[in-house]
N, C-alpha and C. Protein backbone atom coordinates (compact mmCIF):
# COMPACT_ATOMS: atom_id res chain seq x y z
N MET A 1 14.00 15.94 -43.43
CA MET A 1 14.47 14.62 -43.73
C MET A 1 14.38 13.76 -42.50
N ALA A 2 13.96 12.58 -42.71
CA ALA A 2 13.80 11.65 -41.59
C ALA A 2 15.02 10.77 -41.51
N ARG A 3 15.33 10.40 -40.30
CA ARG A 3 16.51 9.57 -40.09
C ARG A 3 16.10 8.12 -39.99
N THR A 4 16.93 7.30 -40.64
CA THR A 4 16.73 5.86 -40.48
C THR A 4 18.10 5.25 -40.33
N ASN A 5 18.31 4.57 -39.25
CA ASN A 5 19.57 3.90 -38.95
C ASN A 5 20.76 4.85 -39.02
N GLY A 6 20.61 6.11 -38.69
CA GLY A 6 21.70 7.09 -38.67
C GLY A 6 22.13 7.54 -40.04
N LYS A 7 21.44 7.14 -41.07
CA LYS A 7 21.82 7.53 -42.42
C LYS A 7 20.72 8.37 -43.00
N SER A 8 21.10 9.31 -43.81
CA SER A 8 20.09 10.13 -44.47
C SER A 8 19.68 9.46 -45.77
N GLU A 9 18.52 9.73 -46.16
CA GLU A 9 18.05 9.16 -47.41
C GLU A 9 18.50 10.04 -48.55
N ILE A 10 18.86 9.40 -49.67
CA ILE A 10 19.32 10.13 -50.83
C ILE A 10 18.30 9.94 -51.93
N ASP A 11 17.96 11.03 -52.53
CA ASP A 11 17.00 11.00 -53.63
C ASP A 11 17.74 10.47 -54.85
N PRO A 12 17.26 9.40 -55.51
CA PRO A 12 17.94 8.83 -56.67
C PRO A 12 18.09 9.83 -57.80
N GLN A 13 17.33 10.86 -57.88
CA GLN A 13 17.45 11.84 -58.95
C GLN A 13 18.65 12.75 -58.72
N GLU A 14 19.10 12.88 -57.45
CA GLU A 14 20.24 13.76 -57.16
C GLU A 14 21.58 13.12 -57.53
N LEU A 15 21.65 11.83 -57.78
CA LEU A 15 22.91 11.16 -58.11
C LEU A 15 23.39 11.58 -59.49
N ASP A 16 24.66 11.81 -59.59
CA ASP A 16 25.29 12.18 -60.87
C ASP A 16 25.96 10.93 -61.42
N ALA A 17 25.34 10.31 -62.39
CA ALA A 17 25.82 9.03 -62.90
C ALA A 17 27.15 9.16 -63.64
N GLU A 18 27.38 10.31 -64.23
CA GLU A 18 28.63 10.48 -64.99
C GLU A 18 29.85 10.51 -64.08
N HIS A 19 29.74 11.09 -62.90
CA HIS A 19 30.88 11.26 -62.00
C HIS A 19 30.89 10.25 -60.88
N GLU A 20 30.12 9.23 -60.99
CA GLU A 20 30.05 8.23 -59.94
C GLU A 20 31.22 7.27 -60.06
N LEU A 21 31.79 6.88 -58.94
CA LEU A 21 32.91 5.94 -58.92
C LEU A 21 32.40 4.54 -59.20
N PRO A 22 33.24 3.73 -59.81
CA PRO A 22 32.82 2.34 -60.06
C PRO A 22 32.70 1.61 -58.74
N PRO A 23 31.90 0.57 -58.72
CA PRO A 23 31.73 -0.17 -57.47
C PRO A 23 33.05 -0.80 -57.03
N GLY A 24 33.33 -0.81 -55.71
CA GLY A 24 34.57 -1.37 -55.17
C GLY A 24 34.56 -2.87 -55.23
N GLU A 25 35.74 -3.45 -55.08
CA GLU A 25 35.86 -4.89 -55.11
C GLU A 25 35.38 -5.45 -53.78
N SER A 26 34.85 -6.58 -53.85
CA SER A 26 34.45 -7.23 -52.61
C SER A 26 35.69 -7.82 -51.95
N GLU A 27 35.60 -8.24 -50.72
CA GLU A 27 36.75 -8.79 -50.00
C GLU A 27 37.24 -10.05 -50.69
N GLU A 28 36.35 -10.84 -51.23
CA GLU A 28 36.75 -12.07 -51.91
C GLU A 28 37.55 -11.75 -53.16
N ASP A 29 37.09 -10.73 -53.93
CA ASP A 29 37.78 -10.36 -55.15
C ASP A 29 39.19 -9.84 -54.84
N SER A 30 39.35 -9.00 -53.81
CA SER A 30 40.67 -8.45 -53.49
C SER A 30 41.59 -9.52 -52.96
N ALA A 31 41.11 -10.50 -52.22
CA ALA A 31 41.94 -11.58 -51.71
C ALA A 31 42.45 -12.45 -52.85
N SER A 32 41.57 -12.75 -53.80
CA SER A 32 42.01 -13.59 -54.92
C SER A 32 43.01 -12.83 -55.81
N ALA A 33 42.83 -11.54 -55.96
CA ALA A 33 43.78 -10.75 -56.75
C ALA A 33 45.14 -10.72 -56.08
N ALA A 34 45.18 -10.63 -54.74
CA ALA A 34 46.44 -10.63 -54.00
C ALA A 34 47.14 -11.96 -54.16
N VAL A 35 46.39 -13.06 -54.10
CA VAL A 35 46.98 -14.38 -54.25
C VAL A 35 47.54 -14.54 -55.66
N GLU A 36 46.82 -14.06 -56.65
CA GLU A 36 47.28 -14.18 -58.03
C GLU A 36 48.54 -13.36 -58.27
N SER A 37 48.70 -12.20 -57.61
CA SER A 37 49.85 -11.33 -57.87
C SER A 37 51.07 -11.70 -57.04
N MET A 38 50.97 -12.63 -56.11
CA MET A 38 52.10 -13.00 -55.27
C MET A 38 53.29 -13.51 -56.07
N PRO A 39 53.14 -14.41 -56.96
CA PRO A 39 54.31 -14.86 -57.72
C PRO A 39 54.92 -13.69 -58.51
N ARG A 40 54.08 -12.84 -59.05
CA ARG A 40 54.59 -11.70 -59.81
C ARG A 40 55.36 -10.76 -58.88
N GLN A 41 54.89 -10.54 -57.67
CA GLN A 41 55.57 -9.65 -56.72
C GLN A 41 56.90 -10.27 -56.29
N GLY A 42 56.96 -11.57 -56.14
CA GLY A 42 58.22 -12.23 -55.78
C GLY A 42 59.26 -12.01 -56.86
N GLY A 43 58.88 -12.11 -58.11
CA GLY A 43 59.79 -11.85 -59.23
C GLY A 43 60.23 -10.39 -59.24
N ASP A 44 59.25 -9.51 -58.94
CA ASP A 44 59.57 -8.09 -58.88
C ASP A 44 60.53 -7.80 -57.74
N LEU A 45 60.35 -8.47 -56.61
CA LEU A 45 61.25 -8.27 -55.47
C LEU A 45 62.66 -8.73 -55.81
N GLN A 46 62.75 -9.84 -56.49
CA GLN A 46 64.08 -10.32 -56.88
C GLN A 46 64.74 -9.35 -57.85
N LYS A 47 63.94 -8.86 -58.78
CA LYS A 47 64.47 -7.91 -59.76
C LYS A 47 64.92 -6.62 -59.06
N LEU A 48 64.12 -6.14 -58.11
CA LEU A 48 64.47 -4.92 -57.37
C LEU A 48 65.71 -5.14 -56.50
N ALA A 49 65.82 -6.32 -55.89
CA ALA A 49 66.99 -6.64 -55.07
C ALA A 49 68.25 -6.67 -55.94
N ALA A 50 68.15 -7.27 -57.12
CA ALA A 50 69.30 -7.33 -58.04
C ALA A 50 69.68 -5.92 -58.50
N GLU A 51 68.68 -5.10 -58.79
CA GLU A 51 68.95 -3.72 -59.21
C GLU A 51 69.60 -2.93 -58.08
N ARG A 52 69.10 -3.14 -56.85
CA ARG A 52 69.67 -2.46 -55.69
C ARG A 52 71.14 -2.88 -55.51
N ASP A 53 71.41 -4.19 -55.61
CA ASP A 53 72.78 -4.68 -55.45
C ASP A 53 73.70 -4.09 -56.52
N ALA A 54 73.21 -4.00 -57.74
CA ALA A 54 73.99 -3.41 -58.82
C ALA A 54 74.29 -1.94 -58.54
N LEU A 55 73.30 -1.22 -58.04
CA LEU A 55 73.49 0.19 -57.73
C LEU A 55 74.46 0.39 -56.57
N VAL A 56 74.37 -0.46 -55.56
CA VAL A 56 75.29 -0.38 -54.42
C VAL A 56 76.72 -0.66 -54.89
N ASP A 57 76.88 -1.66 -55.75
CA ASP A 57 78.20 -1.98 -56.30
C ASP A 57 78.74 -0.82 -57.12
N ARG A 58 77.88 -0.25 -57.94
CA ARG A 58 78.27 0.90 -58.77
C ARG A 58 78.68 2.09 -57.89
N LEU A 59 77.94 2.33 -56.82
CA LEU A 59 78.27 3.41 -55.89
C LEU A 59 79.63 3.16 -55.24
N ALA A 60 79.88 1.93 -54.82
CA ALA A 60 81.16 1.60 -54.19
C ALA A 60 82.31 1.83 -55.17
N ARG A 61 82.11 1.43 -56.41
CA ARG A 61 83.16 1.64 -57.43
C ARG A 61 83.39 3.12 -57.70
N MET A 62 82.32 3.89 -57.77
CA MET A 62 82.44 5.33 -58.01
C MET A 62 83.14 6.01 -56.84
N GLN A 63 82.84 5.57 -55.62
CA GLN A 63 83.51 6.14 -54.45
C GLN A 63 85.00 5.81 -54.49
N ALA A 64 85.35 4.58 -54.86
CA ALA A 64 86.76 4.19 -54.96
C ALA A 64 87.46 4.99 -56.07
N ASP A 65 86.81 5.16 -57.21
CA ASP A 65 87.38 5.96 -58.30
C ASP A 65 87.59 7.39 -57.86
N PHE A 66 86.63 7.95 -57.14
CA PHE A 66 86.75 9.32 -56.65
C PHE A 66 87.91 9.44 -55.67
N GLU A 67 88.04 8.49 -54.77
CA GLU A 67 89.14 8.52 -53.79
C GLU A 67 90.49 8.40 -54.49
N ASN A 68 90.59 7.52 -55.50
CA ASN A 68 91.83 7.39 -56.26
C ASN A 68 92.16 8.68 -57.01
N ALA A 69 91.16 9.31 -57.60
CA ALA A 69 91.37 10.57 -58.32
C ALA A 69 91.81 11.66 -57.35
N ARG A 70 91.23 11.68 -56.16
CA ARG A 70 91.61 12.68 -55.16
C ARG A 70 93.07 12.49 -54.73
N LYS A 71 93.45 11.24 -54.49
CA LYS A 71 94.84 10.95 -54.10
C LYS A 71 95.81 11.30 -55.22
N ARG A 72 95.44 10.96 -56.46
CA ARG A 72 96.30 11.25 -57.61
C ARG A 72 96.47 12.75 -57.77
N SER A 73 95.39 13.49 -57.60
CA SER A 73 95.45 14.95 -57.71
C SER A 73 96.33 15.55 -56.61
N ALA A 74 96.20 15.04 -55.39
CA ALA A 74 97.03 15.54 -54.29
C ALA A 74 98.51 15.24 -54.56
N LYS A 75 98.81 14.06 -55.10
CA LYS A 75 100.21 13.70 -55.42
C LYS A 75 100.75 14.60 -56.52
N GLU A 76 99.94 14.86 -57.55
CA GLU A 76 100.37 15.73 -58.63
C GLU A 76 100.64 17.15 -58.13
N GLN A 77 99.80 17.64 -57.24
CA GLN A 77 100.00 18.97 -56.67
C GLN A 77 101.28 19.01 -55.84
N GLN A 78 101.52 17.96 -55.06
CA GLN A 78 102.74 17.90 -54.25
C GLN A 78 103.97 17.85 -55.15
N ASP A 79 103.94 17.03 -56.19
CA ASP A 79 105.06 16.96 -57.14
C ASP A 79 105.28 18.31 -57.81
N PHE A 80 104.20 18.98 -58.18
CA PHE A 80 104.33 20.29 -58.81
C PHE A 80 105.02 21.27 -57.88
N ARG A 81 104.59 21.27 -56.61
CA ARG A 81 105.21 22.19 -55.63
C ARG A 81 106.69 21.87 -55.44
N GLU A 82 107.02 20.57 -55.37
CA GLU A 82 108.41 20.19 -55.13
C GLU A 82 109.32 20.50 -56.32
N TYR A 83 108.80 20.36 -57.52
CA TYR A 83 109.65 20.50 -58.70
C TYR A 83 109.31 21.73 -59.54
N ALA A 84 108.58 22.67 -58.98
CA ALA A 84 108.21 23.88 -59.73
C ALA A 84 109.44 24.71 -60.07
N ALA A 85 110.46 24.64 -59.24
CA ALA A 85 111.66 25.45 -59.46
C ALA A 85 112.64 24.78 -60.43
N ALA A 86 112.32 23.60 -60.93
CA ALA A 86 113.26 22.86 -61.78
C ALA A 86 113.70 23.66 -63.01
N ASP A 87 112.77 24.30 -63.70
CA ASP A 87 113.14 25.06 -64.89
C ASP A 87 114.04 26.25 -64.54
N THR A 88 113.74 26.92 -63.44
CA THR A 88 114.56 28.06 -63.02
C THR A 88 115.95 27.60 -62.63
N ILE A 89 116.03 26.52 -61.88
CA ILE A 89 117.35 26.01 -61.47
C ILE A 89 118.14 25.55 -62.69
N LYS A 90 117.45 24.89 -63.62
CA LYS A 90 118.12 24.43 -64.84
C LYS A 90 118.71 25.62 -65.62
N ALA A 91 118.01 26.75 -65.60
CA ALA A 91 118.52 27.94 -66.28
C ALA A 91 119.74 28.53 -65.56
N LEU A 92 119.87 28.27 -64.26
CA LEU A 92 121.02 28.79 -63.50
C LEU A 92 122.25 27.89 -63.56
N LEU A 93 122.11 26.67 -64.02
CA LEU A 93 123.24 25.74 -64.06
C LEU A 93 124.39 26.24 -64.94
N PRO A 94 124.15 26.85 -66.11
CA PRO A 94 125.29 27.39 -66.87
C PRO A 94 126.05 28.48 -66.10
N VAL A 95 125.36 29.26 -65.30
CA VAL A 95 126.03 30.27 -64.48
C VAL A 95 126.95 29.59 -63.47
N LEU A 96 126.44 28.54 -62.85
CA LEU A 96 127.25 27.78 -61.90
C LEU A 96 128.46 27.17 -62.59
N ASP A 97 128.26 26.64 -63.81
CA ASP A 97 129.37 26.08 -64.59
C ASP A 97 130.41 27.16 -64.89
N SER A 98 129.96 28.34 -65.24
CA SER A 98 130.90 29.44 -65.56
C SER A 98 131.71 29.83 -64.33
N PHE A 99 131.09 29.86 -63.18
CA PHE A 99 131.83 30.15 -61.94
C PHE A 99 132.90 29.08 -61.70
N GLU A 100 132.55 27.82 -61.89
CA GLU A 100 133.52 26.74 -61.68
C GLU A 100 134.67 26.82 -62.67
N ARG A 101 134.40 27.13 -63.93
CA ARG A 101 135.46 27.28 -64.93
C ARG A 101 136.37 28.46 -64.57
N ALA A 102 135.79 29.56 -64.12
CA ALA A 102 136.60 30.73 -63.74
C ALA A 102 137.49 30.40 -62.55
N LEU A 103 136.98 29.63 -61.61
CA LEU A 103 137.78 29.26 -60.44
C LEU A 103 138.89 28.28 -60.82
N HIS A 104 138.62 27.36 -61.74
CA HIS A 104 139.65 26.43 -62.19
C HIS A 104 140.73 27.14 -63.00
N ALA A 105 140.35 28.12 -63.77
CA ALA A 105 141.31 28.84 -64.61
C ALA A 105 142.27 29.67 -63.75
N SER A 106 141.78 30.21 -62.66
CA SER A 106 142.64 31.04 -61.79
C SER A 106 142.98 30.30 -60.51
N ALA A 107 143.23 28.99 -60.63
CA ALA A 107 143.46 28.15 -59.45
C ALA A 107 144.74 28.52 -58.70
N GLY A 108 145.76 28.98 -59.38
CA GLY A 108 147.04 29.25 -58.73
C GLY A 108 147.12 30.62 -58.08
N GLU A 109 146.39 31.57 -58.52
CA GLU A 109 146.52 32.93 -58.00
C GLU A 109 145.56 33.22 -56.86
N ARG A 110 146.03 34.05 -55.94
CA ARG A 110 145.20 34.48 -54.81
C ARG A 110 145.05 35.99 -54.92
N SER A 111 143.80 36.41 -55.16
CA SER A 111 143.54 37.84 -55.25
C SER A 111 142.18 38.12 -54.65
N GLU A 112 141.91 39.37 -54.48
CA GLU A 112 140.60 39.76 -53.95
C GLU A 112 139.49 39.41 -54.94
N LEU A 113 139.79 39.52 -56.21
CA LEU A 113 138.80 39.17 -57.23
C LEU A 113 138.45 37.69 -57.14
N ARG A 114 139.49 36.85 -57.02
CA ARG A 114 139.24 35.41 -56.90
C ARG A 114 138.45 35.12 -55.63
N ASN A 115 138.79 35.76 -54.53
CA ASN A 115 138.07 35.56 -53.27
C ASN A 115 136.60 35.96 -53.42
N GLY A 116 136.34 37.04 -54.14
CA GLY A 116 134.97 37.49 -54.38
C GLY A 116 134.19 36.50 -55.23
N VAL A 117 134.86 35.98 -56.27
CA VAL A 117 134.21 34.98 -57.15
C VAL A 117 133.92 33.71 -56.36
N GLU A 118 134.86 33.28 -55.50
CA GLU A 118 134.63 32.10 -54.67
C GLU A 118 133.45 32.30 -53.74
N LEU A 119 133.35 33.50 -53.17
CA LEU A 119 132.24 33.81 -52.26
C LEU A 119 130.89 33.77 -52.99
N ILE A 120 130.84 34.38 -54.16
CA ILE A 120 129.60 34.38 -54.96
C ILE A 120 129.24 32.95 -55.37
N HIS A 121 130.24 32.17 -55.78
CA HIS A 121 130.02 30.77 -56.16
C HIS A 121 129.46 29.99 -54.99
N LYS A 122 130.03 30.17 -53.80
CA LYS A 122 129.56 29.47 -52.60
C LYS A 122 128.13 29.88 -52.25
N GLN A 123 127.81 31.16 -52.36
CA GLN A 123 126.45 31.64 -52.07
C GLN A 123 125.44 31.02 -53.03
N LEU A 124 125.79 30.98 -54.31
CA LEU A 124 124.90 30.39 -55.31
C LEU A 124 124.70 28.90 -55.04
N GLN A 125 125.78 28.19 -54.73
CA GLN A 125 125.66 26.76 -54.41
C GLN A 125 124.77 26.54 -53.19
N ASP A 126 124.94 27.35 -52.16
CA ASP A 126 124.14 27.21 -50.94
C ASP A 126 122.66 27.49 -51.21
N ALA A 127 122.39 28.53 -51.99
CA ALA A 127 120.99 28.86 -52.31
C ALA A 127 120.33 27.74 -53.10
N LEU A 128 121.05 27.17 -54.06
CA LEU A 128 120.49 26.06 -54.86
C LEU A 128 120.38 24.79 -54.03
N ALA A 129 121.30 24.57 -53.10
CA ALA A 129 121.22 23.40 -52.23
C ALA A 129 119.99 23.47 -51.33
N LYS A 130 119.63 24.66 -50.89
CA LYS A 130 118.42 24.82 -50.07
C LYS A 130 117.17 24.45 -50.86
N LEU A 131 117.21 24.62 -52.16
CA LEU A 131 116.07 24.25 -53.02
C LEU A 131 116.08 22.77 -53.38
N GLY A 132 117.14 22.05 -52.98
CA GLY A 132 117.19 20.60 -53.21
C GLY A 132 118.15 20.17 -54.30
N LEU A 133 119.00 21.06 -54.80
CA LEU A 133 119.95 20.72 -55.86
C LEU A 133 121.15 20.01 -55.25
N ARG A 134 121.52 18.85 -55.82
CA ARG A 134 122.67 18.07 -55.34
C ARG A 134 123.53 17.69 -56.54
N PRO A 135 124.87 17.88 -56.43
CA PRO A 135 125.74 17.44 -57.53
C PRO A 135 125.82 15.91 -57.57
N ILE A 136 126.01 15.37 -58.75
CA ILE A 136 126.15 13.93 -58.93
C ILE A 136 127.63 13.60 -58.91
N PRO A 137 128.06 12.70 -58.02
CA PRO A 137 129.48 12.33 -58.00
C PRO A 137 129.85 11.63 -59.31
N ALA A 138 131.04 11.94 -59.84
CA ALA A 138 131.39 11.36 -61.13
C ALA A 138 132.81 10.79 -61.14
N LYS A 139 133.83 11.61 -60.99
CA LYS A 139 135.21 11.16 -61.15
C LYS A 139 135.53 10.05 -60.15
N GLY A 140 136.04 8.94 -60.69
CA GLY A 140 136.39 7.79 -59.88
C GLY A 140 135.24 6.82 -59.68
N GLU A 141 134.04 7.19 -60.02
CA GLU A 141 132.86 6.33 -59.87
C GLU A 141 132.73 5.42 -61.09
N LEU A 142 131.98 4.35 -60.95
CA LEU A 142 131.65 3.52 -62.10
C LEU A 142 130.58 4.22 -62.92
N PHE A 143 130.65 4.06 -64.21
CA PHE A 143 129.70 4.70 -65.12
C PHE A 143 128.30 4.16 -64.87
N ASP A 144 127.35 5.07 -64.70
CA ASP A 144 125.94 4.72 -64.53
C ASP A 144 125.16 5.48 -65.61
N PRO A 145 124.59 4.79 -66.58
CA PRO A 145 123.90 5.49 -67.67
C PRO A 145 122.68 6.29 -67.22
N HIS A 146 122.20 6.04 -66.01
CA HIS A 146 121.07 6.81 -65.49
C HIS A 146 121.52 8.15 -64.92
N LEU A 147 122.81 8.28 -64.62
CA LEU A 147 123.32 9.51 -64.00
C LEU A 147 124.38 10.21 -64.84
N HIS A 148 125.05 9.46 -65.71
CA HIS A 148 126.17 10.00 -66.47
C HIS A 148 125.93 9.89 -67.97
N GLU A 149 126.52 10.82 -68.69
CA GLU A 149 126.47 10.79 -70.15
C GLU A 149 127.90 10.65 -70.64
N ALA A 150 128.22 9.50 -71.25
CA ALA A 150 129.57 9.24 -71.73
C ALA A 150 129.79 10.00 -73.02
N VAL A 151 130.81 10.86 -73.00
CA VAL A 151 131.15 11.65 -74.18
C VAL A 151 132.29 10.97 -74.94
N GLU A 152 133.15 10.29 -74.18
CA GLU A 152 134.32 9.69 -74.81
C GLU A 152 134.74 8.46 -74.01
N MET A 153 135.25 7.44 -74.72
CA MET A 153 135.84 6.26 -74.09
C MET A 153 137.35 6.41 -74.22
N VAL A 154 138.06 6.25 -73.11
CA VAL A 154 139.51 6.42 -73.09
C VAL A 154 140.15 5.07 -72.81
N ASP A 155 141.07 4.65 -73.71
CA ASP A 155 141.81 3.39 -73.48
C ASP A 155 142.91 3.67 -72.47
N THR A 156 142.86 2.95 -71.34
CA THR A 156 143.85 3.13 -70.29
C THR A 156 143.94 1.86 -69.46
N THR A 157 145.12 1.66 -68.88
CA THR A 157 145.31 0.53 -67.96
C THR A 157 145.39 1.03 -66.52
N GLU A 158 145.29 2.33 -66.34
CA GLU A 158 145.41 2.92 -65.00
C GLU A 158 144.08 2.97 -64.25
N ALA A 159 143.00 2.71 -64.91
CA ALA A 159 141.68 2.74 -64.27
C ALA A 159 140.91 1.48 -64.64
N ALA A 160 139.99 1.11 -63.80
CA ALA A 160 139.16 -0.08 -64.06
C ALA A 160 138.24 0.20 -65.25
N ASP A 161 137.82 -0.89 -65.86
CA ASP A 161 136.91 -0.79 -67.00
C ASP A 161 135.61 -0.13 -66.54
N HIS A 162 135.11 0.82 -67.34
CA HIS A 162 133.86 1.55 -67.09
C HIS A 162 133.94 2.51 -65.90
N GLN A 163 135.15 2.85 -65.50
CA GLN A 163 135.33 3.83 -64.43
C GLN A 163 135.46 5.21 -65.07
N ILE A 164 134.89 6.21 -64.42
CA ILE A 164 134.95 7.58 -64.95
C ILE A 164 136.31 8.17 -64.62
N VAL A 165 137.00 8.61 -65.68
CA VAL A 165 138.35 9.17 -65.48
C VAL A 165 138.35 10.69 -65.47
N GLU A 166 137.34 11.31 -66.08
CA GLU A 166 137.29 12.77 -66.09
C GLU A 166 135.85 13.25 -66.20
N GLU A 167 135.55 14.30 -65.45
CA GLU A 167 134.23 14.91 -65.50
C GLU A 167 134.34 16.19 -66.34
N LEU A 168 133.62 16.23 -67.44
CA LEU A 168 133.67 17.41 -68.32
C LEU A 168 132.64 18.45 -67.90
N GLN A 169 131.51 18.01 -67.44
CA GLN A 169 130.48 18.93 -66.96
C GLN A 169 129.74 18.23 -65.82
N ARG A 170 129.60 18.93 -64.70
CA ARG A 170 128.98 18.35 -63.51
C ARG A 170 127.49 18.11 -63.76
N GLY A 171 127.02 16.99 -63.26
CA GLY A 171 125.60 16.66 -63.33
C GLY A 171 124.92 16.99 -62.02
N TYR A 172 123.61 17.17 -62.07
CA TYR A 172 122.86 17.56 -60.87
C TYR A 172 121.54 16.81 -60.78
N LYS A 173 121.14 16.61 -59.52
CA LYS A 173 119.81 16.08 -59.21
C LYS A 173 119.06 17.15 -58.44
N LEU A 174 117.77 17.24 -58.70
CA LEU A 174 116.89 18.09 -57.90
C LEU A 174 116.07 17.15 -57.04
N LYS A 175 116.39 17.13 -55.74
CA LYS A 175 115.83 16.17 -54.79
C LYS A 175 116.14 14.77 -55.29
N ASP A 176 115.17 14.01 -55.77
CA ASP A 176 115.48 12.66 -56.24
C ASP A 176 115.35 12.52 -57.76
N ARG A 177 115.15 13.62 -58.45
CA ARG A 177 115.03 13.58 -59.92
C ARG A 177 116.32 14.07 -60.58
N LEU A 178 116.67 13.43 -61.69
CA LEU A 178 117.83 13.85 -62.46
C LEU A 178 117.49 15.14 -63.19
N LEU A 179 118.28 16.17 -62.93
CA LEU A 179 118.06 17.45 -63.61
C LEU A 179 118.94 17.54 -64.85
N ARG A 180 120.21 17.11 -64.69
CA ARG A 180 121.13 17.11 -65.82
C ARG A 180 122.18 16.03 -65.56
N PRO A 181 122.41 15.13 -66.53
CA PRO A 181 123.43 14.09 -66.33
C PRO A 181 124.84 14.70 -66.40
N ALA A 182 125.78 14.05 -65.74
CA ALA A 182 127.17 14.50 -65.79
C ALA A 182 127.78 14.03 -67.11
N MET A 183 128.48 14.94 -67.80
CA MET A 183 129.18 14.56 -69.03
C MET A 183 130.58 14.11 -68.64
N VAL A 184 130.93 12.87 -69.02
CA VAL A 184 132.16 12.26 -68.52
C VAL A 184 132.93 11.52 -69.61
N LYS A 185 134.22 11.28 -69.28
CA LYS A 185 135.05 10.37 -70.07
C LYS A 185 135.16 9.09 -69.27
N VAL A 186 134.98 7.96 -69.98
CA VAL A 186 134.94 6.66 -69.30
C VAL A 186 136.12 5.81 -69.77
N ALA A 187 136.72 5.10 -68.79
CA ALA A 187 137.88 4.25 -69.09
C ALA A 187 137.44 2.96 -69.76
N ARG A 188 138.26 2.56 -70.72
CA ARG A 188 138.08 1.24 -71.35
C ARG A 188 139.41 0.50 -71.14
N ASN A 189 139.37 -0.46 -70.24
CA ASN A 189 140.58 -1.17 -69.89
C ASN A 189 140.57 -2.54 -70.56
N PRO A 190 141.50 -2.80 -71.47
CA PRO A 190 141.49 -4.07 -72.19
C PRO A 190 141.82 -5.26 -71.29
N ARG A 191 142.40 -5.03 -70.13
CA ARG A 191 142.77 -6.12 -69.24
C ARG A 191 141.55 -6.70 -68.51
N HIS A 192 140.50 -5.95 -68.37
CA HIS A 192 139.33 -6.43 -67.60
C HIS A 192 138.25 -6.94 -68.48
């Protein structure tokens, strides 16, 4: 094969017409096509920018929702840990009530049995106090429907209106939650 201008000559019979690529665009054709597509690309850019902004906004909202869900879950777990013993403590309240009734019934006598019951009562109160159990003050206080359950209204002039004159059953709070309201008798004073 002879060389001409650094290119080899190709025999026209060797060309495969079926697999030949179409002729490329000339520089003029590609420049005019670019100019024609510019307005279309500008619209596409605006559409892509709007889509991007929507996706960024959606991502920010999803991140905020996830953070709120994480905080809510952590709070629920903390509440569960703090109040998990509530059912157990509630089951022990009748035992505490029975100890108090036994001590009130034998208030005048001093015996070893009474001393033992007082000691057990004190130990139970201390153990429940460590778990966060607090008695609700009642006698002499003003009636609070959030803390007290009125069982009876007593007509009297010796106490102020809506003042608790007798506690029938002690009420308790577990930390800051009401576990059981105090059952009380409330004064109704016609003078006030």
